[in-house]
Amino acid sequence: MPGGLEFDCMRHPPEFSDTDPRAMEVWMNLLRSKTPGERIEIAFNLTEFALQMAESGVRARYPGASEREIFLRCAALRLPRDLMIRAYGWDPEVGASPTE
């Protein structure tokens, strides 16, 4: 490759060290067979799944929370505290239930 950079496509990515290399090869071949549009759709679906799982966790930890509180607590999982305070006027460290 230009600049002396080489990438070994067959090398097992370290973040998947708990995955059998044969299973990883099947997964990589599946991804390689997808069009760019299909791959971005997979990425969007995985992102939506992760957001739903985060929301489920918040709902489990705060069963009496209002929809607004659920929204804020989910946002606080992804945004820094200072931005939560500036954007929503809610401090996740204080954690008081926000008013509707």
Protein backbone atom coordinates (compact mmCIF):
# COMPACT_ATOMS: atom_id res chain seq x y z
CA MET A 1 0.00 0.00 0.00
CA PRO A 2 1.09 3.61 -0.46
CA GLY A 3 3.21 5.01 2.32
CA GLY A 4 4.24 1.59 3.53
CA LEU A 5 0.97 0.98 5.36
CA GLU A 6 -0.30 -2.56 5.19
CA PHE A 7 -3.41 -4.07 6.64
CA ASP A 8 -3.77 -7.78 7.10
CA CYS A 9 -7.43 -8.48 6.27
CA MET A 10 -7.15 -11.94 7.75
CA ARG A 11 -5.89 -10.77 11.14
CA HIS A 12 -8.39 -11.24 13.94
CA PRO A 13 -9.38 -7.79 15.28
CA PRO A 14 -8.44 -7.56 19.00
CA GLU A 15 -11.87 -6.21 19.98
CA PHE A 16 -13.30 -9.56 18.88
CA SER A 17 -10.79 -11.75 20.73
CA ASP A 18 -13.65 -13.69 22.35
CA THR A 19 -15.02 -14.68 18.92
CA ASP A 20 -13.92 -17.86 17.19
CA PRO A 21 -11.83 -16.83 14.15
CA ARG A 22 -13.97 -19.02 11.89
CA ALA A 23 -17.14 -17.26 13.06
CA MET A 24 -15.42 -13.90 12.55
CA GLU A 25 -14.52 -14.87 9.00
CA VAL A 26 -18.16 -15.76 8.27
CA TRP A 27 -19.27 -12.40 9.73
CA MET A 28 -16.67 -10.46 7.75
CA ASN A 29 -17.66 -12.24 4.52
CA LEU A 30 -21.30 -11.36 5.18
CA LEU A 31 -20.39 -7.71 5.65
CA ARG A 32 -18.20 -7.69 2.56
CA SER A 33 -21.11 -8.97 0.48
CA LYS A 34 -23.33 -6.02 1.51
CA THR A 35 -23.68 -2.85 -0.49
CA PRO A 36 -22.68 0.42 1.18
CA GLY A 37 -26.39 1.22 1.62
CA GLU A 38 -27.02 -2.11 3.32
CA ARG A 39 -24.05 -1.58 5.62
CA ILE A 40 -25.23 1.88 6.69
CA GLU A 41 -28.72 0.44 7.29
CA ILE A 42 -27.14 -2.20 9.56
CA ALA A 43 -25.27 0.54 11.42
CA PHE A 44 -28.46 2.58 11.89
CA ASN A 45 -30.33 -0.49 13.12
CA LEU A 46 -27.58 -1.33 15.59
CA THR A 47 -27.58 2.25 16.85
CA GLU A 48 -31.36 2.16 17.33
CA PHE A 49 -31.03 -1.14 19.18
CA ALA A 50 -28.36 0.30 21.50
CA LEU A 51 -30.55 3.35 22.24
CA GLN A 52 -33.53 1.10 23.02
CA MET A 53 -31.40 -1.03 25.36
CA ALA A 54 -30.17 2.09 27.15
CA GLU A 55 -33.75 3.31 27.54
CA SER A 56 -34.83 -0.09 28.87
CA GLY A 57 -32.08 0.10 31.47
CA VAL A 58 -33.17 3.58 32.56
CA ARG A 59 -36.80 2.43 32.79
CA ALA A 60 -35.74 -0.55 34.93
CA ARG A 61 -33.68 1.65 37.28
CA TYR A 62 -36.37 4.35 37.57
CA PRO A 63 -39.74 2.54 37.31
CA GLY A 64 -41.74 5.54 38.52
CA ALA A 65 -40.07 8.04 36.19
CA SER A 66 -42.10 10.22 33.86
CA GLU A 67 -41.48 10.15 30.12
CA ARG A 68 -39.60 13.45 30.47
CA GLU A 69 -37.34 12.03 33.15
CA ILE A 70 -36.70 8.93 31.03
CA PHE A 71 -35.76 11.19 28.10
CA LEU A 72 -33.40 13.27 30.25
CA ARG A 73 -31.75 10.30 31.91
CA CYS A 74 -31.19 8.67 28.51
CA ALA A 75 -29.74 11.89 27.14
CA ALA A 76 -27.46 12.09 30.19
CA LEU A 77 -25.98 8.73 29.23
CA ARG A 78 -24.64 10.32 26.02
CA LEU A 79 -24.09 13.98 26.87
CA PRO A 80 -21.65 15.58 29.31
CA ARG A 81 -23.12 17.02 32.51
CA ASP A 82 -22.43 20.66 31.59
CA LEU A 83 -24.27 20.28 28.29
CA MET A 84 -27.23 18.60 30.02
CA ILE A 85 -27.48 21.57 32.37
CA ARG A 86 -27.14 24.15 29.57
CA ALA A 87 -29.43 22.40 27.09
CA TYR A 88 -32.11 21.01 29.38
CA GLY A 89 -31.67 22.83 32.69
CA TRP A 90 -31.32 19.45 34.39
CA ASP A 91 -28.36 18.20 36.40
CA PRO A 92 -27.98 14.41 36.18
CA GLU A 93 -25.83 14.39 39.34
CA VAL A 94 -28.61 15.97 41.37
CA GLY A 95 -31.01 13.54 39.72
CA ALA A 96 -34.20 15.07 41.02
CA SER A 97 -37.17 14.25 38.87
CA PRO A 98 -37.69 17.13 36.45
CA THR A 99 -41.01 18.88 36.24
CA GLU A 100 -43.06 18.15 33.14
